[in-house]
Each structure stands twice: as C-alpha cells, then as structure tokens.
Amino acid sequence: MTLFVFDIRETLSRKVMVKAESMEEAWDEVDRMYMESEIVLNTDDFKEMEILWIE
C-alpha cells in the first residue's frame, strides 16, 4: 500500500473597520486588537478550504 501526504488549508477572513489618523495607525490598531484577542476568527469567518497533494 502507498502512503500519500496531503496539506489541508482553511481560510478564515473578516472585514474590520477602524477610525485612525493614518493607515499605519489603523494597521497597528487592528494588529493590537487581534493580538489581544479582541478579534477572534471562528467558523462564521470560514471562506474556503483546499486540499493539496504533497507527495
């Protein structure tokens, strides 16, 4: 019997709006919110799944 290896990838995605004085400030705020778990992606944010054959 042959062994096959696959990579399963899921993409989660959510649009987030923040008010800021600059793009850098907005980016930093979203990054902070994500790192501090104020933004947590879950199954409601599921966008796609793909299976890739590795070897």
Foldseek 3Di string as FASTA:
>chain_A
DDDWDKDKDWDFDDDDDDDDPDPVVVVVVVVVCVVVVVDDTDPVRTDDMDMGTDD
